[in-house]
Protein backbone atom coordinates (compact mmCIF):
# COMPACT_ATOMS: atom_id res chain seq x y z
CA UNK A 1 -53.32 88.27 85.30
CA UNK A 2 -53.56 86.11 82.23
CA UNK A 3 -53.40 89.00 80.18
CA UNK A 4 -50.13 89.39 82.33
CA UNK A 5 -48.77 86.23 81.93
CA UNK A 6 -49.32 86.39 78.02
CA UNK A 7 -47.41 89.50 77.84
CA UNK A 8 -44.47 88.46 79.81
CA UNK A 9 -44.08 85.60 77.65
CA UNK A 10 -44.78 87.77 74.82
CA UNK A 11 -41.69 90.68 75.07
CA UNK A 12 -38.74 87.96 75.26
CA UNK A 13 -40.06 86.90 71.28
CA UNK A 14 -40.54 90.47 70.42
CA UNK A 15 -37.25 91.75 71.81
CA UNK A 16 -35.54 88.04 69.93
CA UNK A 17 -37.13 89.13 66.99
CA UNK A 18 -36.10 92.85 66.85
CA UNK A 19 -32.79 91.62 67.73
CA UNK A 20 -32.68 89.06 65.02
CA UNK A 21 -33.88 91.50 62.28
CA UNK A 22 -31.05 94.01 63.27
CA UNK A 23 -28.70 91.61 63.01
CA UNK A 24 -29.61 90.78 59.26
CA UNK A 25 -29.66 94.61 58.86
CA UNK A 26 -25.83 94.54 60.07
CA UNK A 27 -25.28 91.50 57.96
CA UNK A 28 -26.32 93.54 54.48
CA UNK A 29 -24.41 96.72 55.41
CA UNK A 30 -21.63 94.28 55.58
CA UNK A 31 -22.06 92.72 52.21
CA UNK A 32 -22.80 89.65 54.13
CA UNK A 33 -25.94 88.48 52.17
CA UNK A 34 -25.45 84.67 52.60
CA UNK A 35 -26.44 85.50 56.61
CA UNK A 36 -28.82 87.68 56.12
CA UNK A 37 -31.16 86.54 53.20
CA UNK A 38 -32.60 83.89 55.52
CA UNK A 39 -33.27 86.12 58.51
CA UNK A 40 -35.20 88.48 56.24
CA UNK A 41 -36.74 85.47 54.46
CA UNK A 42 -38.14 84.27 57.77
CA UNK A 43 -39.22 87.37 58.69
CA UNK A 44 -41.09 88.08 55.39
CA UNK A 45 -43.54 85.05 56.06
CA UNK A 46 -44.54 86.15 59.36
CA UNK A 47 -44.56 89.74 58.09
CA UNK A 48 -45.23 89.35 54.01
CA UNK A 49 -46.47 93.13 53.57
CA UNK A 50 -43.06 94.40 54.92
CA UNK A 51 -41.72 97.03 52.53
CA UNK A 52 -38.21 97.09 53.92
CA UNK A 53 -37.64 93.50 54.01
CA UNK A 54 -38.84 93.02 50.51
CA UNK A 55 -36.30 95.87 49.40
CA UNK A 56 -33.77 93.91 51.58
CA UNK A 57 -34.46 90.76 49.67
CA UNK A 58 -34.38 92.67 45.92
CA UNK A 59 -31.63 94.08 46.69
CA UNK A 60 -29.89 90.83 47.40
CA UNK A 61 -31.23 88.72 44.63
CA UNK A 62 -30.08 91.94 42.45
CA UNK A 63 -26.45 91.79 43.82
CA UNK A 64 -26.70 87.91 43.00
CA UNK A 65 -27.71 88.26 39.37
CA UNK A 66 -30.91 86.93 40.17
CA UNK A 67 -32.74 89.26 37.81
CA UNK A 68 -36.09 87.22 38.04
CA UNK A 69 -36.43 87.08 41.92
CA UNK A 70 -35.25 90.66 41.90
CA UNK A 71 -37.74 91.81 39.45
CA UNK A 72 -40.73 90.29 41.53
CA UNK A 73 -39.90 91.97 44.96
CA UNK A 74 -39.44 95.24 43.11
CA UNK A 75 -42.50 95.07 41.30
CA UNK A 76 -44.48 94.37 44.03
CA UNK A 77 -42.97 97.44 46.08
CA UNK A 78 -43.86 99.80 42.74
CA UNK A 79 -47.14 98.08 42.94
CA UNK A 80 -47.86 99.23 46.72
CA UNK A 81 -46.45 102.47 46.24
CA UNK A 82 -46.75 103.86 43.02
CA UNK A 83 -44.89 107.47 44.18
CA UNK A 84 -41.54 105.95 45.36
CA UNK A 85 -38.91 107.01 43.01
CA UNK A 86 -36.61 104.83 44.45
CA UNK A 87 -39.00 101.65 43.82
CA UNK A 88 -39.64 102.74 40.26
CA UNK A 89 -35.52 103.06 39.89
CA UNK A 90 -34.73 99.83 41.14
CA UNK A 91 -37.54 97.91 39.01
CA UNK A 92 -36.61 99.55 35.80
CA UNK A 93 -32.88 99.02 36.58
CA UNK A 94 -33.50 94.98 36.97
CA UNK A 95 -35.49 94.82 34.32
CA UNK A 96 -32.41 96.41 31.99
CA UNK A 97 -30.51 93.92 33.50
CA UNK A 98 -32.81 91.15 32.78
CA UNK A 99 -32.96 92.13 29.14
CA UNK A 100 -29.04 92.41 28.71
CA UNK A 101 -29.15 88.79 30.02
CA UNK A 102 -31.63 87.41 27.12
CA UNK A 103 -31.31 87.24 23.40
CA UNK A 104 -32.20 90.66 21.56
CA UNK A 105 -35.25 89.25 20.17
CA UNK A 106 -36.91 88.97 23.80
CA UNK A 107 -34.94 92.31 25.28
CA UNK A 108 -36.69 93.91 22.59
CA UNK A 109 -40.33 93.55 24.66
CA UNK A 110 -38.69 95.01 28.16
CA UNK A 111 -37.61 98.35 26.35
CA UNK A 112 -40.89 100.70 27.11
CA UNK A 113 -41.17 99.29 30.51
CA UNK A 114 -37.56 99.94 31.55
CA UNK A 115 -37.97 103.55 29.93
CA UNK A 116 -41.18 104.33 31.99
CA UNK A 117 -39.98 103.26 35.39
CA UNK A 118 -36.67 105.07 35.19
CA UNK A 119 -38.46 108.18 33.73
CA UNK A 120 -40.95 107.53 36.61
CA UNK A 121 -38.35 107.84 38.90
CA UNK A 122 -36.92 110.69 37.63
CA UNK A 123 -40.16 112.61 37.69
CA UNK A 124 -41.02 111.58 41.11
CA UNK A 125 -37.53 112.97 42.20
CA UNK A 126 -35.70 115.20 39.98
CA UNK A 127 -32.50 114.83 42.10
CA UNK A 128 -31.90 111.44 42.03
CA UNK A 129 -28.54 110.60 40.84
CA UNK A 130 -28.69 107.13 40.01
CA UNK A 131 -31.95 107.51 37.91
CA UNK A 132 -29.97 109.89 35.89
CA UNK A 133 -27.28 107.71 35.20
CA UNK A 134 -29.39 105.02 34.29
CA UNK A 135 -31.23 107.25 31.86
CA UNK A 136 -28.10 108.59 30.38
CA UNK A 137 -27.01 104.73 30.07
CA UNK A 138 -30.21 103.58 28.59
CA UNK A 139 -30.60 106.15 25.68
CA UNK A 140 -26.44 105.76 24.70
CA UNK A 141 -26.54 102.21 24.73
CA UNK A 142 -30.17 101.36 22.91
CA UNK A 143 -30.11 101.35 19.17
CA UNK A 144 -31.43 104.56 17.63
CA UNK A 145 -34.16 102.02 15.90
CA UNK A 146 -35.68 101.13 19.50
CA UNK A 147 -35.83 104.99 21.00
CA UNK A 148 -31.89 105.30 21.54
CA UNK A 149 -30.45 108.44 21.39
CA UNK A 150 -27.38 110.33 22.44
CA UNK A 151 -29.11 113.92 22.16
CA UNK A 152 -31.43 112.70 25.06
CA UNK A 153 -28.25 110.83 27.02
CA UNK A 154 -26.29 114.37 26.64
CA UNK A 155 -29.60 116.03 28.17
CA UNK A 156 -29.90 113.55 30.91
CA UNK A 157 -25.84 114.04 31.59
CA UNK A 158 -26.07 118.25 31.95
CA UNK A 159 -29.10 117.90 33.89
CA UNK A 160 -27.26 115.41 36.20
CA UNK A 161 -24.46 118.25 36.58
CA UNK A 162 -26.77 120.44 37.92
CA UNK A 163 -27.50 118.10 40.61
CA UNK A 164 -23.83 116.96 40.96
CA UNK A 165 -21.02 118.55 38.82
CA UNK A 166 -18.96 115.34 39.33
CA UNK A 167 -21.03 113.41 38.30
CA UNK A 168 -21.88 115.39 35.02
CA UNK A 169 -18.78 115.45 33.82
CA UNK A 170 -18.20 111.83 34.20
CA UNK A 171 -21.75 111.26 32.14
CA UNK A 172 -20.49 113.27 29.66
CA UNK A 173 -17.06 111.76 29.75
CA UNK A 174 -18.79 108.29 29.49
CA UNK A 175 -21.05 109.68 26.59
CA UNK A 176 -17.79 110.77 24.80
CA UNK A 177 -16.37 107.57 25.19
CA UNK A 178 -19.22 105.32 23.73
CA UNK A 179 -19.52 107.51 20.94
CA UNK A 180 -15.64 107.62 20.01
CA UNK A 181 -14.89 111.05 21.02
CA UNK A 182 -11.71 110.37 22.95
CA UNK A 183 -10.55 114.22 23.31
CA UNK A 184 -14.41 114.86 24.73
CA UNK A 185 -13.70 112.12 27.17
CA UNK A 186 -10.20 113.14 28.69
CA UNK A 187 -11.45 116.60 28.97
CA UNK A 188 -14.66 115.48 31.38
CA UNK A 189 -12.85 113.28 32.90
CA UNK A 190 -10.30 115.83 33.91
CA UNK A 191 -12.69 118.26 34.54
CA UNK A 192 -14.28 115.50 37.10
CA UNK A 193 -10.88 114.93 38.86
CA UNK A 194 -10.62 118.83 39.15
CA UNK A 195 -13.77 119.48 40.61
CA UNK A 196 -14.38 116.45 42.97
CA UNK A 197 -11.12 114.15 42.85
CA UNK A 198 -12.51 111.08 44.13
CA UNK A 199 -10.89 107.79 43.87
CA UNK A 200 -13.46 107.29 41.46
CA UNK A 201 -12.59 110.02 38.78
CA UNK A 202 -9.12 108.90 38.92
CA UNK A 203 -9.89 105.40 38.28
CA UNK A 204 -12.25 106.55 35.08
CA UNK A 205 -9.34 108.56 34.35
CA UNK A 206 -6.83 106.10 34.47
CA UNK A 207 -9.05 103.62 33.01
CA UNK A 208 -9.47 105.60 29.84
CA UNK A 209 -5.75 105.99 29.25
CA UNK A 210 -5.43 101.98 29.63
CA UNK A 211 -8.39 101.33 26.88
CA UNK A 212 -6.67 103.92 24.65
CA UNK A 213 -3.42 102.24 24.99
CA UNK A 214 -1.50 105.32 27.11
CA UNK A 215 0.01 103.20 29.54
CA UNK A 216 2.23 106.09 30.77
CA UNK A 217 -0.68 108.44 31.17
CA UNK A 218 -2.31 105.56 33.22
CA UNK A 219 0.24 104.96 35.62
CA UNK A 220 0.69 108.62 36.29
CA UNK A 221 -3.04 109.30 37.10
CA UNK A 222 -2.89 106.19 39.15
CA UNK A 223 0.12 107.74 40.98
CA UNK A 224 -1.30 110.86 41.72
CA UNK A 225 -4.40 109.06 42.86
CA UNK A 226 -1.99 107.13 45.32
CA UNK A 227 -0.36 110.23 46.81
CA UNK A 228 -3.64 111.79 47.60
CA UNK A 229 -6.06 109.14 48.50
CA UNK A 230 -3.24 106.62 49.64
CA UNK A 231 -5.41 103.20 48.61
CA UNK A 232 -3.55 100.21 48.53
CA UNK A 233 -5.27 98.85 46.00
CA UNK A 234 -3.53 101.65 43.64
CA UNK A 235 -0.03 99.81 44.26
CA UNK A 236 -1.49 96.68 42.95
CA UNK A 237 -3.02 98.83 39.80
CA UNK A 238 0.60 100.69 39.16
CA UNK A 239 2.55 97.37 39.14
CA UNK A 240 0.04 95.86 36.79
CA UNK A 241 0.58 98.76 34.19
CA UNK A 242 4.33 98.20 34.88
CA UNK A 243 3.96 94.60 34.04
CA UNK A 244 1.88 94.85 31.32
CA UNK A 245 3.20 97.25 29.59
CA UNK A 246 7.14 96.92 30.20
CA UNK A 247 7.59 100.65 31.60
CA UNK A 248 9.28 101.99 34.81
CA UNK A 249 9.87 98.89 36.07
CA UNK A 250 11.24 99.56 39.28
CA UNK A 251 8.59 101.86 40.55
CA UNK A 252 6.47 98.82 39.67
CA UNK A 253 8.31 96.73 41.93
CA UNK A 254 8.19 99.31 44.58
CA UNK A 255 4.51 99.47 44.39
CA UNK A 256 3.89 95.74 44.46
CA UNK A 257 6.04 95.35 47.15
CA UNK A 258 4.39 98.06 49.18
CA UNK A 259 0.85 96.27 48.50
CA UNK A 260 2.18 92.90 49.79
CA UNK A 261 3.22 94.88 52.73
CA UNK A 262 -0.03 96.25 53.62
CA UNK A 263 -2.14 93.58 51.90
CA UNK A 264 -5.83 93.29 53.54
CA UNK A 265 -8.68 91.50 52.04
CA UNK A 266 -10.47 94.68 51.66
CA UNK A 267 -7.86 95.38 48.89
CA UNK A 268 -9.57 93.15 46.90
CA UNK A 269 -6.60 91.78 44.50
CA UNK A 270 -5.29 88.25 46.39
CA UNK A 271 -1.76 88.25 46.81
CA UNK A 272 -0.98 86.01 44.39
CA UNK A 273 -1.86 88.14 41.72
CA UNK A 274 0.97 90.28 42.98
CA UNK A 275 3.48 87.89 43.10
CA UNK A 276 2.35 87.00 39.29
CA UNK A 277 2.93 90.92 38.25
CA UNK A 278 6.42 91.00 39.78
CA UNK A 279 7.52 87.55 38.27
CA UNK A 280 6.11 89.29 35.20
CA UNK A 281 7.97 92.35 35.61
CA UNK A 282 11.39 90.60 36.46
CA UNK A 283 10.99 88.49 33.37
CA UNK A 284 10.97 91.94 31.37
CA UNK A 285 14.15 92.63 33.05
CA UNK A 286 15.48 89.78 31.76
CA UNK A 287 16.12 88.45 35.60
CA UNK A 288 14.94 84.70 34.94
CA UNK A 289 15.65 83.56 39.02
CA UNK A 290 14.00 86.31 40.73
CA UNK A 291 11.32 85.98 37.93
CA UNK A 292 10.80 82.07 38.61
CA UNK A 293 10.84 82.53 42.63
CA UNK A 294 7.78 85.26 42.38
CA UNK A 295 6.01 82.73 39.78
CA UNK A 296 6.20 79.52 41.91
CA UNK A 297 5.28 81.73 45.02
CA UNK A 298 2.09 82.59 42.77
CA UNK A 299 1.64 78.87 42.15
CA UNK A 300 2.06 78.19 45.53
CA UNK A 301 -0.61 79.94 46.68
CA UNK A 302 -3.00 78.98 44.06
CA UNK A 303 -2.44 75.58 42.20
CA UNK A 304 -5.28 75.85 39.80
CA UNK A 305 -3.43 79.65 38.59
CA UNK A 306 -3.77 79.13 34.91
CA UNK A 307 -2.02 82.29 33.98
CA UNK A 308 0.82 82.03 36.28
CA UNK A 309 1.11 78.47 34.97
CA UNK A 310 1.87 79.85 31.38
CA UNK A 311 3.70 82.78 32.73
CA UNK A 312 6.22 80.37 33.99
CA UNK A 313 6.54 78.37 30.50
CA UNK A 314 7.46 81.77 29.05
CA UNK A 315 10.01 82.22 32.00
CA UNK A 316 11.70 79.06 31.62
CA UNK A 317 12.00 79.36 27.73
CA UNK A 318 14.34 82.53 28.23
């Protein structure tokens, strides 16, 4: 009878713990890490060997750029399961981010460990796309004196292409861009669009053109992506190019107005930046009063908008 009474008492507690944990996972999936973290931490105190919780907390720490904490969580996971490719990838990756954040002399001490864990992830799971990408970046960014190699980076990029053709082209485009081979970079980014056509592939080519001071081409690519994917954020990007480079002003105004009309928080760029870009375009057109109206709206939305304050000075000086 006592056993039955204890069971009746225990069931609601277990149910509550499960529900609470599920809520934390939902928060995590929504990128609401502030609410997820304390629930996971409480659960881990009660279940210190729970792998998934440690992985969640490592991911949250990495997202917050708390590399030391992420390293502790991922290292414990690697120690517990040496044959888990994802644990090795995450541990190697966060070690790499730690190395970037410290001085170069100290960073050198991390190189062999980063290399080992990324290669281990790749060995354990030859289809691991993220591990291939990490190795491409590792070998292309690392100076030759410490083991960097364009040849090895290309080998990993080409192997990546056998797993995912789009990623293979993107990786080779990245290598070509990094090593100052713009024609090869453009070719690979265009092939990525041809093969995959995701928003990311268009973003890479558009970004490449912007870096290489080819704003008309960047705008054309962004416009093609907008027609295909209907992402509101692209309306802002087109308006930004129009404002920055003083090209196709009326198209830029049209896109920025569309951005404002369809704006949601998920679009990423706050409305005050759209106001700012509209002010820039009208300034470029010589329409001082309209430009002032928009720049004042930007400053009203955010009083500490320094870029808008500087732009207002330029408009007033017209």
